[in-house]
Each structure stands twice: as structure tokens, then as C-alpha cells.
Amino acid sequence: MQRPEAWPRPHPGEGAAAAPAGGPAPPARGREPAGLRLQEPSLYTIKAVFILDNDGHRLLAKYYDDTFPSMKEQMAFEKNVFNKTSRTDSEIAFFGGMTIVYKSSIDLFLYVVGSSYENELMLMSVLTCLFESLNHVLRKNVEKRWLLENMDGAFLVLDEIVDGGVILESDPQQVIQKVNFRADDSGLTEHSVAQVLQSAKEQIKWSLLK
């Protein structure tokens, strides 16, 4: 009858690091089950940021991956998200395999979208930073009328917070300083931040039509 052993012993002289004859060998490392593997970390945290009015119509939007490659798919997604969130008091939703944090202000709804495994607090920090920065640029009037009149400033704020899906900044004070710095470079005062990058208005219009 074969004697049971905790693990097989190596043959004497098998390799330079082989254990001495009669001594125990370290147990072989088992293969990690596929189901227990963690999601690979990524810098690309944000899938999309968009602002809708209280009818669910798009005012500002930026998508950072190809989850919704066409304008039609993006608009359908935004409408579904609005229908799911516009009449609830929650600040977070899970929809279509994605994590969505959102905030309403008068006649606006602000959304930040990440994948299903993203940290909600991280997404919320981006949303809070966006709102506080817009609150400064729009002079505490975070509503549709002022946003439409200062769309270039709003895009500038968003670009300081997220670039290509990567979070650049979550401190609104830092964002405001950078926006003011760009305004100074353009020869504008802090009170005219909303008029910064006037030459980029056409580019912004084209980005909305993509």
C-alpha cells in the first residue's frame, strides 16, 4: 500500500536548487482560479460626462471611449439615464453595466459615468468638482440659461477635470486657478472667464455634432 505524503519529494540531484534527499519540498503554487482575478487597474476611469436640461435634452457631453460610438447611441443612452434618474432622490445609479453618479441644479442634471467596477466615491469627487467649478464660472447660477451663454467656459472647466477619460483634478479650487490662469494668458480678467477661448467656439460646435 502506498504511503500518503503531503506533497511529492524531488528526486536526488534534480536541479541546483533541489531539496536534499529525504527532505520536504515546498508545495507547488496552485493556479489562481479565473473567477477570483481582480480587475486590472486603469487610469481611464471616466467613460462620459454630460449635462442635460430638465426635459432630458443634451446641453454638454463628452464621451471618452467607444462604448457608444455614434451620436444616436449616445443620445439614446442619455435619454434612458435621464428617465431612470430624473425622478429619484438618489445620487447614484447602476445602468447598462455602468456606474452613474448625478446631481440636479434648478433645471440641469449633471452626470458622470464610469464602468461597473469603478469606485463611486471617485466618480462623485469628479461630479462635485465639476459642479463647484461651474458654480464659480457661472457666478453661482448653475442653470440652463447661464450654461448656454457660457458654454466655452464650461468645456474649459471639464477639460481641466478629465482628459481622455483620465481624472486630472478633483479639487475645484485648483480647477478655478487653472481656468483663471488661462484667462490671464488670453488677456482677460477673472470676471470674464466665461468669454475665454472665444476662438474655440466653432470647434466646440463641431464637437457637439460628432
Protein backbone atom coordinates (compact mmCIF):
# COMPACT_ATOMS: atom_id res chain seq x y z
CA MET A 1 0.00 0.00 0.00
CA GLN A 2 1.43 3.37 -1.00
CA ARG A 3 2.31 5.69 1.89
CA PRO A 4 0.43 9.02 1.66
CA GLU A 5 2.55 12.19 1.58
CA ALA A 6 1.66 15.89 1.91
CA TRP A 7 3.49 16.65 -1.39
CA PRO A 8 5.80 14.68 -3.71
CA ARG A 9 9.51 14.60 -2.88
CA PRO A 10 12.06 15.61 -5.52
CA HIS A 11 14.50 13.13 -6.91
CA PRO A 12 18.03 13.50 -5.51
CA GLY A 13 20.25 15.72 -7.66
CA GLU A 14 17.34 17.20 -9.62
CA GLY A 15 18.48 20.79 -10.32
CA ALA A 16 20.83 23.03 -8.36
CA ALA A 17 18.06 24.21 -6.03
CA ALA A 18 16.57 20.78 -5.44
CA ALA A 19 15.88 19.84 -1.83
CA PRO A 20 18.15 17.24 -0.19
CA ALA A 21 17.04 13.64 -0.49
CA GLY A 22 14.59 12.78 2.23
CA GLY A 23 13.74 16.47 2.92
CA PRO A 24 10.38 18.06 2.14
CA ALA A 25 9.99 20.21 -0.94
CA PRO A 26 7.88 23.38 -0.95
CA PRO A 27 4.35 22.87 -2.19
CA ALA A 28 3.67 23.78 -5.81
CA ARG A 29 1.87 27.09 -6.27
CA GLY A 30 -1.65 26.47 -7.43
CA ARG A 31 -3.10 28.31 -10.40
CA GLU A 32 -5.36 31.18 -9.40
CA PRO A 33 -8.99 30.46 -10.28
CA ALA A 34 -10.12 32.67 -13.13
CA GLY A 35 -13.16 33.82 -11.16
CA LEU A 36 -11.01 35.28 -8.39
CA ARG A 37 -8.88 37.50 -10.58
CA LEU A 38 -9.24 41.18 -9.84
CA GLN A 39 -9.98 43.77 -12.48
CA GLU A 40 -6.79 45.29 -13.82
CA PRO A 41 -6.42 48.86 -12.54
CA SER A 42 -6.70 51.59 -15.14
CA LEU A 43 -6.19 55.32 -15.29
CA TYR A 44 -9.11 55.56 -17.69
CA THR A 45 -11.78 55.96 -15.04
CA ILE A 46 -14.39 58.14 -16.74
CA LYS A 47 -16.47 56.91 -19.65
CA ALA A 48 -18.57 60.03 -20.14
CA VAL A 49 -19.67 63.33 -18.64
CA PHE A 50 -22.85 65.03 -19.78
CA ILE A 51 -25.29 67.73 -18.72
CA LEU A 52 -28.99 67.57 -19.65
CA ASP A 53 -31.83 70.02 -19.17
CA ASN A 54 -34.96 69.15 -17.22
CA ASP A 55 -36.52 67.68 -20.38
CA GLY A 56 -33.61 65.29 -20.87
CA HIS A 57 -32.10 67.19 -23.80
CA ARG A 58 -28.33 67.34 -24.15
CA LEU A 59 -26.58 70.63 -23.41
CA LEU A 60 -23.00 69.42 -22.99
CA ALA A 61 -21.45 65.98 -23.43
CA LYS A 62 -18.09 64.31 -23.76
CA TYR A 63 -17.52 60.57 -24.26
CA TYR A 64 -14.07 59.12 -23.63
CA ASP A 65 -14.29 55.61 -25.09
CA ASP A 66 -16.16 53.72 -27.80
CA THR A 67 -18.90 52.25 -25.62
CA PHE A 68 -21.36 54.44 -27.53
CA PRO A 69 -19.58 55.19 -30.82
CA SER A 70 -22.40 57.01 -32.61
CA MET A 71 -24.36 60.12 -31.76
CA LYS A 72 -27.59 58.12 -31.97
CA GLU A 73 -26.37 55.61 -29.36
CA GLN A 74 -25.15 58.38 -27.08
CA MET A 75 -28.45 60.24 -27.22
CA ALA A 76 -30.42 57.06 -26.56
CA PHE A 77 -28.21 56.27 -23.57
CA GLU A 78 -28.63 59.78 -22.18
CA LYS A 79 -32.40 59.61 -22.55
CA ASN A 80 -32.56 56.24 -20.77
CA VAL A 81 -30.34 57.50 -17.96
CA PHE A 82 -32.49 60.62 -17.59
CA ASN A 83 -35.70 58.57 -17.43
CA LYS A 84 -34.16 56.39 -14.74
CA THR A 85 -32.76 59.18 -12.57
CA SER A 86 -34.76 62.37 -13.05
CA ARG A 87 -37.47 61.49 -10.54
CA THR A 88 -35.38 59.93 -7.81
CA ASP A 89 -33.60 61.43 -4.81
CA SER A 90 -30.61 59.14 -5.10
CA GLU A 91 -27.18 60.30 -6.28
CA ILE A 92 -26.02 57.04 -7.81
CA ALA A 93 -27.45 54.58 -10.33
CA PHE A 94 -26.33 51.35 -11.96
CA PHE A 95 -27.43 51.10 -15.55
CA GLY A 96 -26.27 49.04 -18.52
CA GLY A 97 -23.24 47.68 -16.68
CA MET A 98 -22.10 51.17 -15.70
CA THR A 99 -21.95 53.23 -12.53
CA ILE A 100 -23.52 56.67 -12.84
CA VAL A 101 -23.39 59.49 -10.31
CA TYR A 102 -25.51 62.57 -10.83
CA LYS A 103 -26.70 65.85 -9.36
CA SER A 104 -29.52 68.24 -10.23
CA SER A 105 -29.42 72.03 -10.08
CA ILE A 106 -32.53 74.06 -10.87
CA ASP A 107 -33.17 72.97 -14.50
CA LEU A 108 -29.95 70.98 -15.07
CA PHE A 109 -28.86 67.39 -14.47
CA LEU A 110 -25.12 66.68 -14.30
CA TYR A 111 -23.88 63.11 -14.87
CA VAL A 112 -20.53 61.34 -14.54
CA VAL A 113 -20.34 57.80 -15.94
CA GLY A 114 -17.82 55.08 -15.07
CA SER A 115 -17.63 51.33 -15.51
CA SER A 116 -19.43 48.99 -13.12
CA TYR A 117 -16.31 48.35 -11.01
CA GLU A 118 -15.29 51.99 -10.54
CA ASN A 119 -15.24 53.48 -7.06
CA GLU A 120 -18.39 55.54 -6.53
CA LEU A 121 -16.53 57.99 -4.29
CA MET A 122 -14.01 58.64 -7.06
CA LEU A 123 -16.79 59.36 -9.56
CA MET A 124 -18.58 61.53 -7.02
CA SER A 125 -15.44 63.59 -6.44
CA VAL A 126 -15.37 64.37 -10.17
CA LEU A 127 -19.05 65.32 -10.15
CA THR A 128 -18.60 67.58 -7.12
CA CYS A 129 -15.57 69.22 -8.67
CA LEU A 130 -17.48 69.84 -11.91
CA PHE A 131 -20.43 71.40 -10.11
CA GLU A 132 -18.34 73.62 -7.81
CA SER A 133 -16.17 74.79 -10.70
CA LEU A 134 -19.21 75.60 -12.84
CA ASN A 135 -20.74 77.37 -9.86
CA HIS A 136 -17.75 79.71 -9.89
CA VAL A 137 -17.57 80.23 -13.66
CA LEU A 138 -21.33 80.80 -13.91
CA ARG A 139 -21.27 83.10 -10.86
CA LYS A 140 -23.45 80.82 -8.74
CA ASN A 141 -26.05 80.48 -11.49
CA VAL A 142 -25.80 76.79 -12.39
CA GLU A 143 -28.81 76.72 -14.65
CA LYS A 144 -29.60 76.22 -18.33
CA ARG A 145 -29.68 79.86 -19.43
CA TRP A 146 -26.27 80.71 -18.00
CA LEU A 147 -24.71 77.46 -19.12
CA LEU A 148 -25.77 78.06 -22.73
CA GLU A 149 -24.37 81.58 -22.64
CA ASN A 150 -21.06 80.36 -21.23
CA MET A 151 -20.61 77.03 -22.95
CA ASP A 152 -16.98 77.67 -23.85
CA GLY A 153 -16.12 78.23 -20.18
CA ALA A 154 -17.98 75.04 -19.24
CA PHE A 155 -15.97 72.99 -21.73
CA LEU A 156 -12.79 74.55 -20.42
CA VAL A 157 -13.69 73.53 -16.87
CA LEU A 158 -14.45 69.98 -17.95
CA ASP A 159 -11.16 69.68 -19.83
CA GLU A 160 -9.28 70.68 -16.67
CA ILE A 161 -11.00 67.90 -14.72
CA VAL A 162 -10.97 64.99 -17.20
CA ASP A 163 -8.78 64.40 -20.22
CA GLY A 164 -9.37 61.35 -22.39
CA GLY A 165 -11.12 59.55 -19.54
CA VAL A 166 -8.28 60.20 -17.07
CA ILE A 167 -9.05 62.26 -13.97
CA LEU A 168 -6.68 65.23 -13.92
CA GLU A 169 -8.10 67.17 -11.00
CA SER A 170 -10.80 66.77 -8.34
CA ASP A 171 -10.15 69.96 -6.37
CA PRO A 172 -12.40 72.78 -7.64
CA GLN A 173 -10.01 75.44 -6.31
CA GLN A 174 -7.23 74.03 -8.47
CA VAL A 175 -9.52 73.92 -11.49
CA ILE A 176 -10.57 77.53 -10.96
CA GLN A 177 -6.94 78.61 -10.64
CA LYS A 178 -6.07 76.89 -13.92
CA VAL A 179 -9.08 78.42 -15.66
CA ASN A 180 -8.11 81.86 -14.37
CA PHE A 181 -4.53 81.25 -15.47
CA ARG A 182 -5.70 80.54 -19.00
CA ALA A 183 -7.88 83.63 -18.86
CA ASP A 184 -4.89 85.74 -17.83
CA ASP A 185 -2.88 84.27 -20.70
CA SER A 186 -5.65 85.39 -23.03
CA GLY A 187 -5.51 88.92 -21.61
CA LEU A 188 -8.84 88.56 -19.84
CA THR A 189 -9.79 89.32 -16.26
CA GLU A 190 -11.17 86.81 -13.78
CA HIS A 191 -14.63 88.26 -14.25
CA SER A 192 -14.53 87.49 -17.96
CA VAL A 193 -13.60 83.81 -17.65
CA ALA A 194 -16.86 82.93 -19.36
CA GLN A 195 -15.55 84.58 -22.53
CA VAL A 196 -12.25 82.67 -22.58
CA LEU A 197 -11.36 80.75 -25.72
CA GLN A 198 -13.78 82.62 -27.94
CA SER A 199 -11.85 81.41 -30.96
CA ALA A 200 -12.66 77.82 -29.98
CA LYS A 201 -16.42 78.22 -30.19
CA GLU A 202 -16.62 76.76 -33.68
CA GLN A 203 -14.57 73.77 -32.56
CA ILE A 204 -16.94 73.21 -29.66
CA LYS A 205 -19.92 73.35 -32.01
CA TRP A 206 -18.33 70.72 -34.22
CA SER A 207 -17.62 68.51 -31.21
CA LEU A 208 -21.32 68.52 -30.36
CA LEU A 209 -22.17 67.44 -33.89
CA LYS A 210 -19.77 64.46 -33.97
